Amino acid sequence: MRIRALCLGLAIALCACGPKLIRQEVFRNDFVRVEIRRTETQGEVVPRGHQHPFVIADVRLAHILASFSHATGEGVPRPTIRSEHVYDLAEGLSQAFEGAGPDDEVVAAAQARDRRLSIFTEERVTSFRAFLEGDLLVFEFFAIEEIVPRDYDRSVSDDGGYEIPHELSSSRPSFRLVAGEAQTRRGARGIGVDWRDPYYRKPVSLRARYGQLRRRTILMEISEEELEDLSVATPPPEELSDAQLRALDELEAARRAGYVTEAEYRRRHRLVIADRLEEAGYPRDAQ
């Protein structure tokens, strides 16, 4: 009896000292969920070293999500994120990245119900984690269009829903990610995105799941006129004042750190070049 009590006490102690997942829900609707989470061990947060928090417009995130594609087997690549989920995921992710710390990761899940033969219903889920690493926004997929078993144990989740995995599976995935514009493959489950690339400022086309339908969707950070010229022309340094040069240096640093969106960067840049420093947020008295 003492041995059993001792073993039980040891098991409880080990559980108490083991890794603990801390989750903060940021966005939820009937089909999309976005969370910030971190891991604690013995009361200490496990360091991640991500470049969080950072600011990225939900429009730009929608561009990025809509650009992801994958293939199964030898099939033709198709969109990874369903068009009906793009906007909600982008909104949730934008909020999460702004609220996350360097030791946090952002996780998300998008669920859908498909009907087969007009009789059977399948529940499918796409889930991933995302974080900023250097200049790349990294997405690592736990599942893509994975069928949720009818006997799925929903008791593992606090609300009885789909539980986003804690770690990536070491098994070979059933999908093959296809790197797109300004993207690089990172292992079998990851894509690194150069999120500042001008490509993600342009309008995108969202496709139906199997490509039968297309609809043009305008997702804009900037005006139509600005789209015609994606470069920011800067006069030679000798034509700018010291105050303007200092403002440009600060603005570029804010851009690289992710504190301003691309649209805001361009707006402030034009104001500085026009010597309208106060409007750009750089009062002359502070120079």
C-alpha atoms as a PDB file:
ATOM      1  CA  MET A   1       0.000   0.000   0.000  1.00  0.00           C
ATOM      2  CA  ARG A   2       2.854   2.356   0.851  1.00  0.00           C
ATOM      3  CA  ILE A   3       4.545   1.554  -2.456  1.00  0.00           C
ATOM      4  CA  ARG A   4       1.365   2.372  -4.377  1.00  0.00           C
ATOM      5  CA  ALA A   5       0.948   5.644  -2.479  1.00  0.00           C
ATOM      6  CA  LEU A   6       4.599   6.497  -3.096  1.00  0.00           C
ATOM      7  CA  CYS A   7       4.260   5.801  -6.826  1.00  0.00           C
ATOM      8  CA  LEU A   8       1.097   7.885  -7.013  1.00  0.00           C
ATOM      9  CA  GLY A   9       2.788  10.775  -5.227  1.00  0.00           C
ATOM     10  CA  LEU A  10       5.780  10.555  -7.569  1.00  0.00           C
ATOM     11  CA  ALA A  11       3.526  10.559 -10.626  1.00  0.00           C
ATOM     12  CA  ILE A  12       1.697  13.648  -9.385  1.00  0.00           C
ATOM     13  CA  ALA A  13       5.004  15.391  -8.685  1.00  0.00           C
ATOM     14  CA  LEU A  14       6.307  14.570 -12.165  1.00  0.00           C
ATOM     15  CA  CYS A  15       3.130  15.893 -13.766  1.00  0.00           C
ATOM     16  CA  ALA A  16       3.400  19.088 -11.764  1.00  0.00           C
ATOM     17  CA  CYS A  17       7.002  19.593 -12.885  1.00  0.00           C
ATOM     18  CA  GLY A  18       6.449  18.550 -16.496  1.00  0.00           C
ATOM     19  CA  PRO A  19       5.886  20.882 -19.441  1.00  0.00           C
ATOM     20  CA  LYS A  20       2.751  23.005 -19.176  1.00  0.00           C
ATOM     21  CA  LEU A  21       1.068  24.611 -22.172  1.00  0.00           C
ATOM     22  CA  ILE A  22      -0.286  28.124 -21.558  1.00  0.00           C
ATOM     23  CA  ARG A  23      -2.858  29.200 -24.146  1.00  0.00           C
ATOM     24  CA  GLN A  24      -4.522  32.522 -24.873  1.00  0.00           C
ATOM     25  CA  GLU A  25      -7.366  32.538 -27.373  1.00  0.00           C
ATOM     26  CA  VAL A  26      -7.230  35.558 -29.670  1.00  0.00           C
ATOM     27  CA  PHE A  27      -9.869  34.857 -32.312  1.00  0.00           C
ATOM     28  CA  ARG A  28     -12.695  32.358 -32.711  1.00  0.00           C
ATOM     29  CA  ASN A  29     -15.771  31.805 -34.814  1.00  0.00           C
ATOM     30  CA  ASP A  30     -17.613  28.682 -35.931  1.00  0.00           C
ATOM     31  CA  PHE A  31     -14.781  27.531 -38.209  1.00  0.00           C
ATOM     32  CA  VAL A  32     -11.559  29.375 -37.327  1.00  0.00           C
ATOM     33  CA  ARG A  33      -9.551  29.566 -34.105  1.00  0.00           C
ATOM     34  CA  VAL A  34      -6.293  31.459 -33.427  1.00  0.00           C
ATOM     35  CA  GLU A  35      -4.296  31.205 -30.191  1.00  0.00           C
ATOM     36  CA  ILE A  36      -1.086  32.484 -28.638  1.00  0.00           C
ATOM     37  CA  ARG A  37       0.666  29.815 -26.609  1.00  0.00           C
ATOM     38  CA  ARG A  38       3.853  29.222 -24.674  1.00  0.00           C
ATOM     39  CA  THR A  39       5.358  26.320 -22.759  1.00  0.00           C
ATOM     40  CA  GLU A  40       6.403  26.405 -19.117  1.00  0.00           C
ATOM     41  CA  THR A  41       8.639  23.902 -17.330  1.00  0.00           C
ATOM     42  CA  GLN A  42       8.971  24.029 -13.548  1.00  0.00           C
ATOM     43  CA  GLY A  43       7.400  27.471 -13.577  1.00  0.00           C
ATOM     44  CA  GLU A  44       9.829  28.869 -16.150  1.00  0.00           C
ATOM     45  CA  VAL A  45       8.842  29.836 -19.687  1.00  0.00           C
ATOM     46  CA  VAL A  46      10.682  27.833 -22.356  1.00  0.00           C
ATOM     47  CA  PRO A  47      12.606  30.410 -24.460  1.00  0.00           C
ATOM     48  CA  ARG A  48      11.860  30.570 -28.200  1.00  0.00           C
ATOM     49  CA  GLY A  49      13.715  33.677 -29.316  1.00  0.00           C
ATOM     50  CA  HIS A  50      11.121  34.779 -31.883  1.00  0.00           C
ATOM     51  CA  GLN A  51      10.920  38.366 -33.126  1.00  0.00           C
ATOM     52  CA  HIS A  52       7.576  39.032 -31.444  1.00  0.00           C
ATOM     53  CA  PRO A  53       5.622  41.196 -31.067  1.00  0.00           C
ATOM     54  CA  PHE A  54       5.485  42.619 -34.565  1.00  0.00           C
ATOM     55  CA  VAL A  55       2.930  44.441 -36.657  1.00  0.00           C
ATOM     56  CA  ILE A  56       1.664  43.083 -39.965  1.00  0.00           C
ATOM     57  CA  ALA A  57      -1.548  44.158 -41.671  1.00  0.00           C
ATOM     58  CA  ASP A  58      -4.305  41.575 -41.902  1.00  0.00           C
ATOM     59  CA  VAL A  59      -4.575  42.405 -45.618  1.00  0.00           C
ATOM     60  CA  ARG A  60      -0.965  41.384 -46.197  1.00  0.00           C
ATOM     61  CA  LEU A  61      -1.515  38.209 -44.193  1.00  0.00           C
ATOM     62  CA  ALA A  62      -4.536  37.440 -46.368  1.00  0.00           C
ATOM     63  CA  HIS A  63      -2.304  37.792 -49.436  1.00  0.00           C
ATOM     64  CA  ILE A  64       0.197  35.371 -47.912  1.00  0.00           C
ATOM     65  CA  LEU A  65      -2.369  32.786 -46.832  1.00  0.00           C
ATOM     66  CA  ALA A  66      -4.061  32.881 -50.225  1.00  0.00           C
ATOM     67  CA  SER A  67      -0.714  32.190 -51.918  1.00  0.00           C
ATOM     68  CA  PHE A  68      -0.032  28.878 -50.142  1.00  0.00           C
ATOM     69  CA  SER A  69      -0.435  25.719 -52.193  1.00  0.00           C
ATOM     70  CA  HIS A  70       0.188  22.017 -51.714  1.00  0.00           C
ATOM     71  CA  ALA A  71      -0.174  18.735 -53.559  1.00  0.00           C
ATOM     72  CA  THR A  72      -1.021  15.206 -52.494  1.00  0.00           C
ATOM     73  CA  GLY A  73       0.703  12.329 -54.246  1.00  0.00           C
ATOM     74  CA  GLU A  74       1.351  13.314 -57.844  1.00  0.00           C
ATOM     75  CA  GLY A  75      -1.651  15.619 -57.925  1.00  0.00           C
ATOM     76  CA  VAL A  76      -1.784  19.174 -59.189  1.00  0.00           C
ATOM     77  CA  PRO A  77      -1.088  21.791 -56.480  1.00  0.00           C
ATOM     78  CA  ARG A  78      -4.185  23.395 -54.997  1.00  0.00           C
ATOM     79  CA  PRO A  79      -4.811  26.108 -52.411  1.00  0.00           C
ATOM     80  CA  THR A  80      -3.795  25.179 -48.887  1.00  0.00           C
ATOM     81  CA  ILE A  81      -6.096  27.660 -47.158  1.00  0.00           C
ATOM     82  CA  ARG A  82      -9.700  27.640 -48.279  1.00  0.00           C
ATOM     83  CA  SER A  83     -10.923  30.978 -49.564  1.00  0.00           C
ATOM     84  CA  GLU A  84     -13.707  31.132 -46.968  1.00  0.00           C
ATOM     85  CA  HIS A  85     -11.098  30.947 -44.190  1.00  0.00           C
ATOM     86  CA  VAL A  86      -8.510  33.409 -45.530  1.00  0.00           C
ATOM     87  CA  TYR A  87      -9.980  36.629 -44.150  1.00  0.00           C
ATOM     88  CA  ASP A  88     -10.806  35.302 -40.676  1.00  0.00           C
ATOM     89  CA  LEU A  89      -7.419  33.650 -40.270  1.00  0.00           C
ATOM     90  CA  ALA A  90      -5.664  36.827 -41.402  1.00  0.00           C
ATOM     91  CA  GLU A  91      -7.576  38.941 -38.896  1.00  0.00           C
ATOM     92  CA  GLY A  92      -6.812  36.566 -36.034  1.00  0.00           C
ATOM     93  CA  LEU A  93      -3.145  36.156 -36.939  1.00  0.00           C
ATOM     94  CA  SER A  94      -2.605  39.905 -37.213  1.00  0.00           C
ATOM     95  CA  GLN A  95      -3.979  40.380 -33.695  1.00  0.00           C
ATOM     96  CA  ALA A  96      -1.984  37.455 -32.335  1.00  0.00           C
ATOM     97  CA  PHE A  97       1.376  38.587 -33.730  1.00  0.00           C
ATOM     98  CA  GLU A  98       0.893  42.031 -32.223  1.00  0.00           C
ATOM     99  CA  GLY A  99       0.137  40.506 -28.811  1.00  0.00           C
ATOM    100  CA  ALA A 100       2.714  37.688 -28.809  1.00  0.00           C
ATOM    101  CA  GLY A 101       6.032  37.805 -26.965  1.00  0.00           C
ATOM    102  CA  PRO A 102       9.436  36.415 -28.025  1.00  0.00           C
ATOM    103  CA  ASP A 103       8.745  33.106 -26.270  1.00  0.00           C
ATOM    104  CA  ASP A 104       5.301  32.653 -27.813  1.00  0.00           C
ATOM    105  CA  GLU A 105       4.139  30.945 -30.948  1.00  0.00           C
ATOM    106  CA  VAL A 106       0.891  31.585 -32.773  1.00  0.00           C
ATOM    107  CA  VAL A 107      -1.257  28.567 -33.678  1.00  0.00           C
ATOM    108  CA  ALA A 108      -4.410  28.353 -35.757  1.00  0.00           C
ATOM    109  CA  ALA A 109      -6.953  25.851 -37.013  1.00  0.00           C
ATOM    110  CA  ALA A 110      -9.562  26.127 -39.762  1.00  0.00           C
ATOM    111  CA  GLN A 111     -12.317  23.509 -40.006  1.00  0.00           C
ATOM    112  CA  ALA A 112     -14.806  22.729 -42.738  1.00  0.00           C
ATOM    113  CA  ARG A 113     -17.568  20.227 -43.362  1.00  0.00           C
ATOM    114  CA  ASP A 114     -17.825  18.609 -46.791  1.00  0.00           C
ATOM    115  CA  ARG A 115     -20.680  16.533 -48.123  1.00  0.00           C
ATOM    116  CA  ARG A 116     -19.932  13.449 -50.201  1.00  0.00           C
ATOM    117  CA  LEU A 117     -22.511  12.017 -52.595  1.00  0.00           C
ATOM    118  CA  SER A 118     -24.946  14.480 -51.007  1.00  0.00           C
ATOM    119  CA  ILE A 119     -25.275  12.032 -48.134  1.00  0.00           C
ATOM    120  CA  PHE A 120     -22.124  11.725 -46.044  1.00  0.00           C
ATOM    121  CA  THR A 121     -20.463  14.550 -44.144  1.00  0.00           C
ATOM    122  CA  GLU A 122     -16.720  14.789 -43.601  1.00  0.00           C
ATOM    123  CA  GLU A 123     -15.117  17.168 -41.150  1.00  0.00           C
ATOM    124  CA  ARG A 124     -11.704  18.380 -42.295  1.00  0.00           C
ATOM    125  CA  VAL A 125      -9.125  20.546 -40.585  1.00  0.00           C
ATOM    126  CA  THR A 126      -6.041  22.535 -41.539  1.00  0.00           C
ATOM    127  CA  SER A 127      -3.849  23.608 -38.626  1.00  0.00           C
ATOM    128  CA  PHE A 128      -0.465  25.272 -38.289  1.00  0.00           C
ATOM    129  CA  ARG A 129       1.834  27.295 -36.087  1.00  0.00           C
ATOM    130  CA  ALA A 130       3.526  30.528 -37.149  1.00  0.00           C
ATOM    131  CA  PHE A 131       6.326  32.721 -35.861  1.00  0.00           C
ATOM    132  CA  LEU A 132       8.732  35.421 -36.999  1.00  0.00           C
ATOM    133  CA  GLU A 133      12.315  34.216 -37.320  1.00  0.00           C
ATOM    134  CA  GLY A 134      14.734  36.843 -38.553  1.00  0.00           C
ATOM    135  CA  ASP A 135      13.282  38.303 -41.739  1.00  0.00           C
ATOM    136  CA  LEU A 136      11.059  35.306 -42.452  1.00  0.00           C
ATOM    137  CA  LEU A 137       7.515  34.625 -41.336  1.00  0.00           C
ATOM    138  CA  VAL A 138       7.482  30.862 -40.839  1.00  0.00           C
ATOM    139  CA  PHE A 139       4.410  28.638 -41.125  1.00  0.00           C
ATOM    140  CA  GLU A 140       4.629  24.988 -40.055  1.00  0.00           C
ATOM    141  CA  PHE A 141       1.625  22.798 -40.779  1.00  0.00           C
ATOM    142  CA  PHE A 142       0.348  20.155 -38.401  1.00  0.00           C
ATOM    143  CA  ALA A 143      -2.365  19.096 -40.851  1.00  0.00           C
ATOM    144  CA  ILE A 144      -3.755  20.113 -44.241  1.00  0.00           C
ATOM    145  CA  GLU A 145      -7.283  19.070 -45.170  1.00  0.00           C
ATOM    146  CA  GLU A 146      -7.022  16.201 -42.699  1.00  0.00           C
ATOM    147  CA  ILE A 147     -10.194  14.231 -42.044  1.00  0.00           C
ATOM    148  CA  VAL A 148     -11.225  14.408 -38.392  1.00  0.00           C
ATOM    149  CA  PRO A 149     -12.193  10.840 -37.367  1.00  0.00           C
ATOM    150  CA  ARG A 150     -15.771  10.371 -36.240  1.00  0.00           C
ATOM    151  CA  ASP A 151     -14.466   8.796 -33.032  1.00  0.00           C
ATOM    152  CA  TYR A 152     -12.082  11.712 -32.359  1.00  0.00           C
ATOM    153  CA  ASP A 153     -11.568  12.079 -28.603  1.00  0.00           C
ATOM    154  CA  ARG A 154     -12.898  15.589 -28.003  1.00  0.00           C
ATOM    155  CA  SER A 155     -12.355  15.305 -24.262  1.00  0.00           C
ATOM    156  CA  VAL A 156      -8.714  16.344 -24.791  1.00  0.00           C
ATOM    157  CA  SER A 157      -9.913  19.871 -25.607  1.00  0.00           C
ATOM    158  CA  ASP A 158     -11.284  22.288 -23.040  1.00  0.00           C
ATOM    159  CA  ASP A 159     -14.336  23.043 -25.187  1.00  0.00           C
ATOM    160  CA  GLY A 160     -14.761  19.651 -26.829  1.00  0.00           C
ATOM    161  CA  GLY A 161     -13.453  20.895 -30.190  1.00  0.00           C
ATOM    162  CA  TYR A 162     -10.427  20.040 -32.296  1.00  0.00           C
ATOM    163  CA  GLU A 163      -7.228  20.169 -30.268  1.00  0.00           C
ATOM    164  CA  ILE A 164      -4.374  21.876 -32.132  1.00  0.00           C
ATOM    165  CA  PRO A 165      -1.319  19.593 -31.775  1.00  0.00           C
ATOM    166  CA  HIS A 166       1.456  20.593 -29.399  1.00  0.00           C
ATOM    167  CA  GLU A 167       4.316  19.571 -31.679  1.00  0.00           C
ATOM    168  CA  LEU A 168       4.910  18.720 -35.317  1.00  0.00           C
ATOM    169  CA  SER A 169       4.652  15.041 -36.152  1.00  0.00           C
ATOM    170  CA  SER A 170       7.919  13.351 -37.110  1.00  0.00           C
ATOM    171  CA  SER A 171       6.099  11.161 -39.627  1.00  0.00           C
ATOM    172  CA  ARG A 172       6.077  11.966 -43.323  1.00  0.00           C
ATOM    173  CA  PRO A 173       3.065  14.180 -44.119  1.00  0.00           C
ATOM    174  CA  SER A 174       0.429  13.218 -46.665  1.00  0.00           C
ATOM    175  CA  PHE A 175       0.855  16.606 -48.360  1.00  0.00           C
ATOM    176  CA  ARG A 176       3.704  18.257 -50.245  1.00  0.00           C
ATOM    177  CA  LEU A 177       4.043  21.999 -49.784  1.00  0.00           C
ATOM    178  CA  VAL A 178       4.831  23.985 -52.921  1.00  0.00           C
ATOM    179  CA  ALA A 179       6.951  27.113 -52.424  1.00  0.00           C
ATOM    180  CA  GLY A 180       5.514  30.155 -54.170  1.00  0.00           C
ATOM    181  CA  GLU A 181       6.681  33.694 -54.784  1.00  0.00           C
ATOM    182  CA  ALA A 182       9.090  34.951 -52.088  1.00  0.00           C
ATOM    183  CA  GLN A 183       8.758  31.609 -50.251  1.00  0.00           C
ATOM    184  CA  THR A 184      11.214  28.851 -49.298  1.00  0.00           C
ATOM    185  CA  ARG A 185      10.551  25.329 -48.126  1.00  0.00           C
ATOM    186  CA  ARG A 186      11.545  24.551 -44.533  1.00  0.00           C
ATOM    187  CA  GLY A 187      11.514  20.811 -44.104  1.00  0.00           C
ATOM    188  CA  ALA A 188       8.513  18.716 -45.048  1.00  0.00           C
ATOM    189  CA  ARG A 189       5.969  20.800 -43.142  1.00  0.00           C
ATOM    190  CA  GLY A 190       7.223  24.376 -43.263  1.00  0.00           C
ATOM    191  CA  ILE A 191       7.260  27.445 -45.493  1.00  0.00           C
ATOM    192  CA  GLY A 192       9.332  30.557 -44.834  1.00  0.00           C
ATOM    193  CA  VAL A 193       7.823  33.745 -46.277  1.00  0.00           C
ATOM    194  CA  ASP A 194       9.630  36.984 -47.061  1.00  0.00           C
ATOM    195  CA  TRP A 195       6.590  38.870 -45.825  1.00  0.00           C
ATOM    196  CA  ARG A 196       7.923  42.309 -46.765  1.00  0.00           C
ATOM    197  CA  ASP A 197       8.222  41.376 -50.444  1.00  0.00           C
ATOM    198  CA  PRO A 198       6.203  43.743 -52.689  1.00  0.00           C
ATOM    199  CA  TYR A 199       4.479  40.696 -54.188  1.00  0.00           C
ATOM    200  CA  TYR A 200       2.224  40.492 -51.137  1.00  0.00           C
ATOM    201  CA  ARG A 201       0.928  44.000 -51.677  1.00  0.00           C
ATOM    202  CA  LYS A 202      -0.839  43.115 -54.900  1.00  0.00           C
ATOM    203  CA  PRO A 203      -4.420  41.920 -55.374  1.00  0.00           C
ATOM    204  CA  VAL A 204      -4.826  38.155 -55.321  1.00  0.00           C
ATOM    205  CA  SER A 205      -7.180  35.597 -56.808  1.00  0.00           C
ATOM    206  CA  LEU A 206      -8.857  33.223 -54.387  1.00  0.00           C
ATOM    207  CA  ARG A 207      -9.699  29.838 -55.871  1.00  0.00           C
ATOM    208  CA  ALA A 208     -12.249  27.249 -54.958  1.00  0.00           C
ATOM    209  CA  ARG A 209     -10.810  24.123 -53.390  1.00  0.00           C
ATOM    210  CA  TYR A 210     -10.453  22.111 -56.596  1.00  0.00           C
ATOM    211  CA  GLY A 211      -9.954  25.062 -58.901  1.00  0.00           C
ATOM    212  CA  GLN A 212     -13.291  24.838 -60.726  1.00  0.00           C
ATOM    213  CA  LEU A 213     -14.247  28.360 -59.736  1.00  0.00           C
ATOM    214  CA  ARG A 214     -12.259  31.562 -59.538  1.00  0.00           C
ATOM    215  CA  ARG A 215     -13.223  34.920 -58.171  1.00  0.00           C
ATOM    216  CA  ARG A 216     -11.105  38.027 -58.214  1.00  0.00           C
ATOM    217  CA  THR A 217     -10.709  39.421 -54.735  1.00  0.00           C
ATOM    218  CA  ILE A 218      -9.099  42.787 -54.198  1.00  0.00           C
ATOM    219  CA  LEU A 219      -7.132  42.883 -50.974  1.00  0.00           C
ATOM    220  CA  MET A 220      -5.498  46.250 -50.771  1.00  0.00           C
ATOM    221  CA  GLU A 221      -3.010  47.906 -48.474  1.00  0.00           C
ATOM    222  CA  ILE A 222      -2.477  50.730 -50.952  1.00  0.00           C
ATOM    223  CA  SER A 223      -4.403  52.561 -53.638  1.00  0.00           C
ATOM    224  CA  GLU A 224      -4.661  51.589 -57.302  1.00  0.00           C
ATOM    225  CA  GLU A 225      -2.323  54.463 -58.184  1.00  0.00           C
ATOM    226  CA  GLU A 226       0.338  53.251 -55.787  1.00  0.00           C
ATOM    227  CA  LEU A 227       0.144  49.744 -57.224  1.00  0.00           C
ATOM    228  CA  GLU A 228       1.436  51.120 -60.519  1.00  0.00           C
ATOM    229  CA  ASP A 229       4.716  51.986 -58.863  1.00  0.00           C
ATOM    230  CA  LEU A 230       5.832  49.532 -56.171  1.00  0.00           C
ATOM    231  CA  SER A 231       9.193  51.230 -55.666  1.00  0.00           C
ATOM    232  CA  VAL A 232       9.743  54.204 -53.380  1.00  0.00           C
ATOM    233  CA  ALA A 233      11.835  56.791 -55.155  1.00  0.00           C
ATOM    234  CA  THR A 234      14.243  58.638 -52.870  1.00  0.00           C
ATOM    235  CA  PRO A 235      16.014  61.829 -53.974  1.00  0.00           C
ATOM    236  CA  PRO A 236      19.820  61.890 -53.745  1.00  0.00           C
ATOM    237  CA  PRO A 237      21.062  62.514 -50.165  1.00  0.00           C
ATOM    238  CA  GLU A 238      22.428  65.950 -51.060  1.00  0.00           C
ATOM    239  CA  GLU A 239      18.869  67.082 -51.810  1.00  0.00           C
ATOM    240  CA  LEU A 240      17.598  66.095 -48.340  1.00  0.00           C
ATOM    241  CA  SER A 241      18.082  67.901 -45.055  1.00  0.00           C
ATOM    242  CA  ASP A 242      19.693  66.266 -42.024  1.00  0.00           C
ATOM    243  CA  ALA A 243      16.266  66.123 -40.371  1.00  0.00           C
ATOM    244  CA  GLN A 244      14.845  64.270 -43.376  1.00  0.00           C
ATOM    245  CA  LEU A 245      17.730  61.797 -43.431  1.00  0.00           C
ATOM    246  CA  ARG A 246      17.341  61.079 -39.725  1.00  0.00           C
ATOM    247  CA  ALA A 247      13.598  60.556 -40.187  1.00  0.00           C
ATOM    248  CA  LEU A 248      14.215  58.140 -43.076  1.00  0.00           C
ATOM    249  CA  ASP A 249      16.687  56.167 -40.958  1.00  0.00           C
ATOM    250  CA  GLU A 250      14.150  55.881 -38.122  1.00  0.00           C
ATOM    251  CA  LEU A 251      11.386  54.925 -40.538  1.00  0.00           C
ATOM    252  CA  GLU A 252      13.489  52.207 -42.156  1.00  0.00           C
ATOM    253  CA  ALA A 253      14.411  50.815 -38.723  1.00  0.00           C
ATOM    254  CA  ALA A 254      10.707  50.696 -37.792  1.00  0.00           C
ATOM    255  CA  ARG A 255       9.950  48.912 -41.053  1.00  0.00           C
ATOM    256  CA  ARG A 256      12.634  46.277 -40.522  1.00  0.00           C
ATOM    257  CA  ALA A 257      11.440  45.695 -36.954  1.00  0.00           C
ATOM    258  CA  GLY A 258       7.890  45.254 -38.217  1.00  0.00           C
ATOM    259  CA  TYR A 259       6.491  48.198 -36.265  1.00  0.00           C
ATOM    260  CA  VAL A 260       4.850  49.739 -39.333  1.00  0.00           C
ATOM    261  CA  THR A 261       2.937  48.136 -42.168  1.00  0.00           C
ATOM    262  CA  GLU A 262       4.129  48.524 -45.752  1.00  0.00           C
ATOM    263  CA  ALA A 263       1.299  50.931 -46.492  1.00  0.00           C
ATOM    264  CA  GLU A 264       2.190  53.091 -43.479  1.00  0.00           C
ATOM    265  CA  TYR A 265       5.871  52.964 -44.426  1.00  0.00           C
ATOM    266  CA  ARG A 266       5.127  54.261 -47.909  1.00  0.00           C
ATOM    267  CA  ARG A 267       2.809  56.992 -46.577  1.00  0.00           C
ATOM    268  CA  ARG A 268       5.384  58.272 -44.102  1.00  0.00           C
ATOM    269  CA  HIS A 269       8.194  57.942 -46.640  1.00  0.00           C
ATOM    270  CA  ARG A 270       6.430  60.229 -49.107  1.00  0.00           C
ATOM    271  CA  LEU A 271       5.705  62.764 -46.359  1.00  0.00           C
ATOM    272  CA  VAL A 272       9.358  62.826 -45.288  1.00  0.00           C
ATOM    273  CA  ILE A 273      10.558  63.254 -48.879  1.00  0.00           C
ATOM    274  CA  ALA A 274       8.076  66.132 -49.250  1.00  0.00           C
ATOM    275  CA  ASP A 275       9.611  67.670 -46.077  1.00  0.00           C
ATOM    276  CA  ARG A 276       6.325  67.280 -44.186  1.00  0.00           C
ATOM    277  CA  LEU A 277       8.033  65.769 -41.155  1.00  0.00           C
ATOM    278  CA  GLU A 278       5.372  66.647 -38.601  1.00  0.00           C
ATOM    279  CA  GLU A 279       2.687  64.850 -40.623  1.00  0.00           C
ATOM    280  CA  ALA A 280       4.978  61.826 -40.891  1.00  0.00           C
ATOM    281  CA  GLY A 281       5.335  61.687 -37.117  1.00  0.00           C
ATOM    282  CA  TYR A 282       8.832  63.166 -36.848  1.00  0.00           C
ATOM    283  CA  PRO A 283       8.522  66.646 -35.288  1.00  0.00           C
ATOM    284  CA  ARG A 284      11.429  68.909 -36.095  1.00  0.00           C
ATOM    285  CA  ASP A 285      11.822  69.861 -32.411  1.00  0.00           C
ATOM    286  CA  ALA A 286      12.577  66.210 -31.628  1.00  0.00           C
ATOM    287  CA  GLN A 287      15.321  65.952 -34.248  1.00  0.00           C
END
